[in-house]
Amino acid sequence: MQLDRIRFQSYKDKVISAQQAALYFKDKMTVGTSGFTKAGDSKAVLPAFAERAKSETIAITLITGASLGQTTDTDLANNNALYKRMPFQSDASLRKKNK
């Protein structure tokens, strides 16, 4: 994150890392994000959450405005980080997990 782009100091003080943001997710929480393939994908927080789920028993229900980039859904599915994924399941790994 380029902190020099934020002009209001109080906003700068609120910036946290993706790993810190992923710690806000609780087990069985419903999370909503944007989407639209890789362009609208969560490029930091959801991958950090997927990484967290590798070593922790935690999963969320994920609702997105459109599809995500393939690697995000794959990482979340392979790390058992999803209870439910709506409305899109275009990723093969994700579809296999939800059978």
N, C-alpha and C. Protein backbone atom coordinates (compact mmCIF):
# COMPACT_ATOMS: atom_id res chain seq x y z
N MET A 1 0.85 -1.18 0.00
CA MET A 1 0.00 0.00 0.00
C MET A 1 0.89 1.23 0.00
N GLN A 2 0.55 2.16 -0.83
CA GLN A 2 1.32 3.40 -0.92
C GLN A 2 0.72 4.42 0.04
N LEU A 3 1.27 4.50 1.23
CA LEU A 3 0.73 5.40 2.25
C LEU A 3 0.87 6.86 1.86
N ASP A 4 1.81 7.19 0.98
CA ASP A 4 1.98 8.59 0.58
C ASP A 4 0.78 9.10 -0.23
N ARG A 5 -0.07 8.20 -0.71
CA ARG A 5 -1.27 8.61 -1.45
C ARG A 5 -2.39 9.05 -0.50
N ILE A 6 -2.29 8.70 0.77
CA ILE A 6 -3.31 9.06 1.76
C ILE A 6 -2.88 10.37 2.41
N ARG A 7 -3.68 11.39 2.25
CA ARG A 7 -3.30 12.71 2.74
C ARG A 7 -3.76 12.99 4.16
N PHE A 8 -4.81 12.35 4.60
CA PHE A 8 -5.38 12.60 5.93
C PHE A 8 -4.74 11.63 6.92
N GLN A 9 -3.97 12.17 7.86
CA GLN A 9 -3.17 11.35 8.78
C GLN A 9 -4.02 10.34 9.55
N SER A 10 -5.21 10.71 9.97
CA SER A 10 -6.05 9.79 10.73
C SER A 10 -6.40 8.54 9.91
N TYR A 11 -6.48 8.66 8.60
CA TYR A 11 -6.74 7.50 7.75
C TYR A 11 -5.49 6.63 7.65
N LYS A 12 -4.34 7.26 7.56
CA LYS A 12 -3.08 6.50 7.50
C LYS A 12 -2.93 5.62 8.73
N ASP A 13 -3.35 6.12 9.87
CA ASP A 13 -3.21 5.38 11.13
C ASP A 13 -4.11 4.14 11.17
N LYS A 14 -5.07 4.05 10.27
CA LYS A 14 -6.01 2.92 10.25
C LYS A 14 -5.60 1.82 9.28
N VAL A 15 -4.57 2.04 8.49
CA VAL A 15 -4.13 1.06 7.51
C VAL A 15 -3.45 -0.11 8.23
N ILE A 16 -3.89 -1.33 7.88
CA ILE A 16 -3.30 -2.54 8.45
C ILE A 16 -2.92 -3.48 7.31
N SER A 17 -2.15 -4.47 7.63
CA SER A 17 -1.73 -5.44 6.60
C SER A 17 -2.88 -6.39 6.27
N ALA A 18 -2.75 -7.08 5.16
CA ALA A 18 -3.75 -8.07 4.77
C ALA A 18 -3.83 -9.18 5.82
N GLN A 19 -2.69 -9.56 6.37
CA GLN A 19 -2.67 -10.61 7.40
C GLN A 19 -3.42 -10.16 8.66
N GLN A 20 -3.25 -8.89 9.03
CA GLN A 20 -4.00 -8.36 10.18
C GLN A 20 -5.49 -8.32 9.88
N ALA A 21 -5.86 -7.91 8.67
CA ALA A 21 -7.27 -7.85 8.30
C ALA A 21 -7.89 -9.24 8.30
N ALA A 22 -7.14 -10.24 7.86
CA ALA A 22 -7.65 -11.62 7.83
C ALA A 22 -7.94 -12.14 9.23
N LEU A 23 -7.32 -11.58 10.24
CA LEU A 23 -7.58 -11.99 11.63
C LEU A 23 -8.95 -11.53 12.12
N TYR A 24 -9.57 -10.60 11.43
CA TYR A 24 -10.92 -10.15 11.80
C TYR A 24 -11.98 -11.19 11.43
N PHE A 25 -11.65 -12.09 10.51
CA PHE A 25 -12.60 -13.12 10.11
C PHE A 25 -12.75 -14.13 11.25
N LYS A 26 -13.98 -14.45 11.57
CA LYS A 26 -14.29 -15.43 12.61
C LYS A 26 -14.91 -16.66 11.96
N ASP A 27 -14.80 -17.79 12.62
CA ASP A 27 -15.38 -19.02 12.10
C ASP A 27 -16.88 -18.87 11.90
N LYS A 28 -17.37 -19.34 10.77
CA LYS A 28 -18.78 -19.31 10.38
C LYS A 28 -19.31 -17.91 10.04
N MET A 29 -18.43 -16.95 9.92
CA MET A 29 -18.82 -15.59 9.55
C MET A 29 -19.23 -15.54 8.08
N THR A 30 -20.16 -14.66 7.75
CA THR A 30 -20.51 -14.40 6.35
C THR A 30 -19.76 -13.15 5.91
N VAL A 31 -19.03 -13.26 4.81
CA VAL A 31 -18.21 -12.17 4.30
C VAL A 31 -18.67 -11.84 2.88
N GLY A 32 -18.86 -10.58 2.59
CA GLY A 32 -19.22 -10.13 1.26
C GLY A 32 -18.08 -9.33 0.66
N THR A 33 -17.78 -9.61 -0.61
CA THR A 33 -16.73 -8.87 -1.31
C THR A 33 -17.19 -8.56 -2.74
N SER A 34 -16.43 -7.72 -3.38
CA SER A 34 -16.70 -7.46 -4.80
C SER A 34 -16.22 -8.65 -5.60
N GLY A 35 -16.16 -8.52 -6.86
CA GLY A 35 -15.69 -9.60 -7.72
C GLY A 35 -15.46 -9.09 -9.11
N PHE A 36 -15.65 -9.90 -10.08
CA PHE A 36 -15.50 -9.67 -11.51
C PHE A 36 -14.12 -10.12 -11.95
N THR A 37 -13.93 -11.40 -11.95
CA THR A 37 -12.69 -12.07 -12.32
C THR A 37 -11.51 -11.49 -11.54
N LYS A 38 -10.33 -11.59 -12.07
CA LYS A 38 -9.14 -11.12 -11.34
C LYS A 38 -9.14 -9.61 -11.15
N ALA A 39 -9.80 -8.87 -12.03
CA ALA A 39 -9.81 -7.41 -11.92
C ALA A 39 -10.48 -6.93 -10.65
N GLY A 40 -11.55 -7.59 -10.23
CA GLY A 40 -12.28 -7.17 -9.03
C GLY A 40 -12.04 -8.06 -7.83
N ASP A 41 -11.09 -8.98 -7.95
CA ASP A 41 -10.78 -9.95 -6.91
C ASP A 41 -10.10 -9.28 -5.71
N SER A 42 -10.25 -9.90 -4.57
CA SER A 42 -9.49 -9.50 -3.39
C SER A 42 -8.06 -10.00 -3.57
N LYS A 43 -7.14 -9.11 -3.79
CA LYS A 43 -5.78 -9.51 -4.11
C LYS A 43 -4.90 -9.69 -2.89
N ALA A 44 -5.40 -9.33 -1.71
CA ALA A 44 -4.56 -9.44 -0.51
C ALA A 44 -5.28 -10.10 0.66
N VAL A 45 -6.47 -9.65 1.02
CA VAL A 45 -7.12 -10.12 2.24
C VAL A 45 -7.61 -11.57 2.13
N LEU A 46 -8.33 -11.91 1.07
CA LEU A 46 -8.79 -13.30 0.94
C LEU A 46 -7.63 -14.28 0.78
N PRO A 47 -6.58 -13.95 0.01
CA PRO A 47 -5.42 -14.85 0.00
C PRO A 47 -4.77 -14.98 1.38
N ALA A 48 -4.73 -13.91 2.15
CA ALA A 48 -4.18 -13.99 3.51
C ALA A 48 -5.06 -14.86 4.39
N PHE A 49 -6.37 -14.78 4.21
CA PHE A 49 -7.27 -15.64 4.97
C PHE A 49 -7.10 -17.10 4.57
N ALA A 50 -6.95 -17.37 3.28
CA ALA A 50 -6.71 -18.74 2.81
C ALA A 50 -5.44 -19.30 3.43
N GLU A 51 -4.42 -18.48 3.51
CA GLU A 51 -3.15 -18.90 4.14
C GLU A 51 -3.36 -19.19 5.62
N ARG A 52 -4.13 -18.36 6.29
CA ARG A 52 -4.44 -18.58 7.72
C ARG A 52 -5.17 -19.90 7.91
N ALA A 53 -6.08 -20.23 7.00
CA ALA A 53 -6.88 -21.45 7.11
C ALA A 53 -6.04 -22.72 6.93
N LYS A 54 -4.83 -22.59 6.39
CA LYS A 54 -3.94 -23.75 6.26
C LYS A 54 -3.61 -24.34 7.62
N SER A 55 -3.46 -23.48 8.62
CA SER A 55 -3.00 -23.94 9.93
C SER A 55 -4.04 -23.78 11.03
N GLU A 56 -5.24 -23.38 10.66
CA GLU A 56 -6.28 -23.11 11.65
C GLU A 56 -7.60 -23.67 11.12
N THR A 57 -8.42 -24.21 12.00
CA THR A 57 -9.73 -24.69 11.59
C THR A 57 -10.69 -23.51 11.62
N ILE A 58 -10.88 -22.92 10.46
CA ILE A 58 -11.74 -21.75 10.32
C ILE A 58 -12.27 -21.71 8.90
N ALA A 59 -13.54 -21.36 8.76
CA ALA A 59 -14.14 -21.25 7.43
C ALA A 59 -15.23 -20.19 7.46
N ILE A 60 -15.50 -19.62 6.30
CA ILE A 60 -16.50 -18.56 6.17
C ILE A 60 -17.49 -18.91 5.06
N THR A 61 -18.60 -18.22 5.06
CA THR A 61 -19.50 -18.20 3.92
C THR A 61 -19.11 -16.96 3.12
N LEU A 62 -18.77 -17.14 1.86
CA LEU A 62 -18.30 -16.03 1.03
C LEU A 62 -19.33 -15.72 -0.05
N ILE A 63 -19.79 -14.48 -0.05
CA ILE A 63 -20.72 -13.99 -1.06
C ILE A 63 -20.01 -12.88 -1.84
N THR A 64 -19.98 -13.02 -3.16
CA THR A 64 -19.31 -12.01 -3.98
C THR A 64 -20.26 -11.43 -5.01
N GLY A 65 -19.95 -10.24 -5.47
CA GLY A 65 -20.77 -9.58 -6.47
C GLY A 65 -20.62 -10.21 -7.85
N ALA A 66 -19.55 -10.93 -8.06
CA ALA A 66 -19.30 -11.63 -9.32
C ALA A 66 -18.23 -12.67 -9.05
N SER A 67 -17.76 -13.32 -10.10
CA SER A 67 -16.74 -14.35 -9.92
C SER A 67 -15.43 -13.73 -9.45
N LEU A 68 -14.60 -14.56 -8.84
CA LEU A 68 -13.27 -14.13 -8.41
C LEU A 68 -12.23 -14.70 -9.35
N GLY A 69 -11.00 -14.25 -9.18
CA GLY A 69 -9.92 -14.87 -9.94
C GLY A 69 -9.76 -16.31 -9.50
N GLN A 70 -9.35 -17.16 -10.40
CA GLN A 70 -9.32 -18.59 -10.13
C GLN A 70 -8.45 -18.96 -8.93
N THR A 71 -7.34 -18.32 -8.75
CA THR A 71 -6.44 -18.72 -7.67
C THR A 71 -7.05 -18.46 -6.30
N THR A 72 -7.85 -17.44 -6.16
CA THR A 72 -8.47 -17.14 -4.86
C THR A 72 -9.43 -18.25 -4.46
N ASP A 73 -10.35 -18.61 -5.35
CA ASP A 73 -11.29 -19.69 -5.04
C ASP A 73 -10.56 -21.01 -4.81
N THR A 74 -9.54 -21.28 -5.62
CA THR A 74 -8.77 -22.52 -5.46
C THR A 74 -8.11 -22.58 -4.10
N ASP A 75 -7.44 -21.51 -3.70
CA ASP A 75 -6.75 -21.48 -2.41
C ASP A 75 -7.73 -21.61 -1.25
N LEU A 76 -8.85 -20.91 -1.32
CA LEU A 76 -9.85 -21.01 -0.26
C LEU A 76 -10.41 -22.43 -0.17
N ALA A 77 -10.72 -23.02 -1.31
CA ALA A 77 -11.28 -24.38 -1.32
C ALA A 77 -10.27 -25.41 -0.83
N ASN A 78 -9.05 -25.33 -1.34
CA ASN A 78 -8.03 -26.32 -0.96
C ASN A 78 -7.63 -26.24 0.50
N ASN A 79 -7.82 -25.08 1.12
CA ASN A 79 -7.47 -24.92 2.54
C ASN A 79 -8.69 -25.04 3.44
N ASN A 80 -9.81 -25.53 2.88
CA ASN A 80 -11.05 -25.75 3.65
C ASN A 80 -11.51 -24.48 4.36
N ALA A 81 -11.36 -23.35 3.71
CA ALA A 81 -11.68 -22.05 4.30
C ALA A 81 -13.10 -21.60 4.01
N LEU A 82 -13.89 -22.44 3.31
CA LEU A 82 -15.24 -22.05 2.93
C LEU A 82 -16.28 -23.05 3.43
N TYR A 83 -17.30 -22.52 4.09
CA TYR A 83 -18.49 -23.33 4.39
C TYR A 83 -19.41 -23.31 3.18
N LYS A 84 -19.56 -22.13 2.63
CA LYS A 84 -20.44 -21.95 1.48
C LYS A 84 -19.89 -20.83 0.63
N ARG A 85 -20.07 -20.95 -0.68
CA ARG A 85 -19.59 -19.93 -1.63
C ARG A 85 -20.75 -19.58 -2.54
N MET A 86 -21.13 -18.32 -2.54
CA MET A 86 -22.27 -17.89 -3.36
C MET A 86 -21.92 -16.61 -4.11
N PRO A 87 -22.50 -16.29 -5.20
CA PRO A 87 -23.36 -17.13 -6.02
C PRO A 87 -22.59 -17.92 -7.07
N PHE A 88 -21.28 -17.70 -7.18
CA PHE A 88 -20.50 -18.31 -8.27
C PHE A 88 -19.63 -19.44 -7.77
N GLN A 89 -19.56 -20.51 -8.55
CA GLN A 89 -18.65 -21.61 -8.28
C GLN A 89 -18.02 -22.05 -9.59
N SER A 90 -17.30 -21.16 -10.21
CA SER A 90 -16.72 -21.45 -11.51
C SER A 90 -15.41 -22.23 -11.41
N ASP A 91 -14.81 -22.27 -10.23
CA ASP A 91 -13.54 -22.94 -10.05
C ASP A 91 -13.75 -24.44 -9.82
N ALA A 92 -12.99 -25.27 -10.52
CA ALA A 92 -13.15 -26.73 -10.43
C ALA A 92 -12.86 -27.25 -9.02
N SER A 93 -11.84 -26.74 -8.35
CA SER A 93 -11.53 -27.18 -6.99
C SER A 93 -12.67 -26.87 -6.04
N LEU A 94 -13.26 -25.73 -6.21
CA LEU A 94 -14.39 -25.31 -5.38
C LEU A 94 -15.60 -26.19 -5.63
N ARG A 95 -15.90 -26.48 -6.87
CA ARG A 95 -17.05 -27.34 -7.18
C ARG A 95 -16.87 -28.74 -6.60
N LYS A 96 -15.65 -29.28 -6.64
CA LYS A 96 -15.39 -30.61 -6.08
C LYS A 96 -15.63 -30.64 -4.58
N LYS A 97 -15.26 -29.57 -3.88
CA LYS A 97 -15.44 -29.49 -2.43
C LYS A 97 -16.90 -29.42 -2.03
N ASN A 98 -17.73 -28.85 -2.89
CA ASN A 98 -19.14 -28.62 -2.56
C ASN A 98 -20.08 -29.72 -3.03
N LYS A 99 -19.57 -30.88 -3.35
CA LYS A 99 -20.44 -31.98 -3.78
C LYS A 99 -21.09 -32.63 -2.60
